[in-house]
Amino acid sequence: MVWNDTRRSIMWNVGDGKSVDFWRDHWIQGTGPLINYVSNRHANSLTPILVADMVDAAGSWHWSRLENMLPHSILLRLAAIKPSLLSVPGDGFGWRWTESTGFSG
């Protein structure tokens, strides 16, 4: 029971995006897993894909894969995240309830 509460309170802090599932992990502040926003007709066909794999060679999101699957409000949140900034080695966890999502003690 405590673990379930704790798990719901953490999210991924994306570094290089090589450990974070684009659809199933909570990595965008205020959204939860993106699969929750995908229409049922698309959700059943989604295979796990890493955040890093949703970025093209030019360092932009693969918009052609996303624009018909996610609502406009979520696409705007995604557009606010610059994939070229996702170059810090390693992904980690943070608190979902703080603006910085970082842990403090």
Protein backbone atom coordinates (compact mmCIF):
# COMPACT_ATOMS: atom_id res chain seq x y z
CA MET A 1 0.00 0.00 0.00
CA VAL A 2 2.78 2.47 0.87
CA TRP A 3 4.69 1.50 -2.28
CA ASN A 4 1.61 2.18 -4.44
CA ASP A 5 1.29 5.68 -2.96
CA THR A 6 5.01 6.29 -3.43
CA ARG A 7 4.98 4.99 -7.00
CA ARG A 8 2.11 7.32 -7.91
CA SER A 9 4.15 10.23 -6.52
CA ILE A 10 7.26 9.76 -8.65
CA MET A 11 7.94 10.47 -12.29
CA TRP A 12 10.88 10.20 -14.65
CA ASN A 13 13.38 13.02 -15.05
CA VAL A 14 14.46 12.41 -18.62
CA GLY A 15 18.16 12.70 -19.35
CA ASP A 16 18.99 10.89 -22.59
CA GLY A 17 15.60 9.15 -22.81
CA LYS A 18 17.09 5.68 -23.14
CA SER A 19 15.32 4.21 -20.10
CA VAL A 20 11.91 5.88 -20.33
CA ASP A 21 8.94 4.38 -22.19
CA PHE A 22 7.43 7.22 -24.22
CA TRP A 23 3.86 5.91 -23.88
CA ARG A 24 3.69 4.11 -20.54
CA ASP A 25 5.96 6.01 -18.16
CA HIS A 26 5.09 9.28 -16.44
CA TRP A 27 7.71 11.75 -17.69
CA ILE A 28 5.85 14.97 -18.61
CA GLN A 29 4.87 17.11 -15.63
CA GLY A 30 1.11 17.22 -15.11
CA THR A 31 0.14 14.51 -17.58
CA GLY A 32 0.79 10.99 -16.35
CA PRO A 33 1.52 8.30 -18.94
CA LEU A 34 0.80 9.47 -22.49
CA ILE A 35 -1.00 6.23 -23.32
CA ASN A 36 -3.87 7.56 -21.18
CA TYR A 37 -4.49 10.21 -23.86
CA VAL A 38 -4.36 7.96 -26.92
CA SER A 39 -7.67 6.92 -28.49
CA ASN A 40 -8.64 3.29 -27.98
CA ARG A 41 -8.20 2.50 -31.67
CA HIS A 42 -4.50 3.43 -31.42
CA ALA A 43 -3.76 2.36 -27.83
CA ASN A 44 -4.06 -1.36 -28.54
CA SER A 45 -1.41 -1.20 -31.26
CA LEU A 46 1.21 0.76 -29.30
CA THR A 47 4.43 -1.07 -28.63
CA PRO A 48 6.91 0.13 -26.03
CA ILE A 49 9.21 2.80 -27.45
CA LEU A 50 11.81 4.88 -25.66
CA VAL A 51 11.65 8.66 -25.44
CA ALA A 52 15.02 8.75 -27.23
CA ASP A 53 13.52 6.86 -30.19
CA MET A 54 10.81 9.47 -30.67
CA VAL A 55 13.43 12.07 -31.62
CA ASP A 56 14.61 12.33 -35.23
CA ALA A 57 18.17 12.83 -36.48
CA ALA A 58 17.67 16.61 -36.51
CA GLY A 59 16.82 16.62 -32.80
CA SER A 60 13.08 17.21 -33.18
CA TRP A 61 10.13 15.13 -32.10
CA HIS A 62 8.75 12.66 -34.66
CA TRP A 63 5.60 14.76 -35.07
CA SER A 64 4.30 12.60 -37.92
CA ARG A 65 4.01 9.69 -35.47
CA LEU A 66 2.22 11.77 -32.86
CA GLU A 67 -0.09 14.33 -34.40
CA ASN A 68 -2.97 11.93 -35.06
CA MET A 69 -2.60 10.03 -31.79
CA LEU A 70 -2.53 12.67 -29.06
CA PRO A 71 -4.86 15.57 -28.29
CA HIS A 72 -3.69 19.09 -29.12
CA SER A 73 -3.27 20.02 -25.44
CA ILE A 74 -0.78 17.18 -24.94
CA LEU A 75 1.06 17.98 -28.17
CA LEU A 76 1.54 21.52 -26.84
CA ARG A 77 3.06 20.17 -23.62
CA LEU A 78 5.37 17.99 -25.68
CA ALA A 79 6.32 20.92 -27.91
CA ALA A 80 7.48 22.79 -24.81
CA ILE A 81 10.11 20.09 -24.26
CA LYS A 82 13.07 20.51 -26.61
CA PRO A 83 14.37 17.04 -27.49
CA SER A 84 17.82 18.45 -28.21
CA LEU A 85 18.02 19.25 -24.49
CA LEU A 86 17.48 15.58 -23.65
CA SER A 87 21.17 14.83 -23.91
CA VAL A 88 22.16 14.49 -20.26
CA PRO A 89 23.41 10.93 -19.70
CA GLY A 90 20.99 8.75 -17.80
CA ASP A 91 17.39 9.06 -16.71
CA GLY A 92 16.29 9.28 -13.09
CA PHE A 93 13.30 9.65 -10.83
CA GLY A 94 11.82 12.73 -9.19
CA TRP A 95 8.80 13.83 -7.19
CA ARG A 96 5.73 14.42 -9.28
CA TRP A 97 4.37 17.01 -6.83
CA THR A 98 7.20 19.55 -7.07
CA GLU A 99 7.81 21.97 -9.91
CA SER A 100 11.43 20.89 -10.40
CA THR A 101 10.53 17.19 -9.87
CA GLY A 102 13.84 16.85 -7.99
CA PHE A 103 14.29 15.11 -4.65
CA SER A 104 15.35 17.18 -1.65
CA GLY A 105 16.18 16.20 1.82
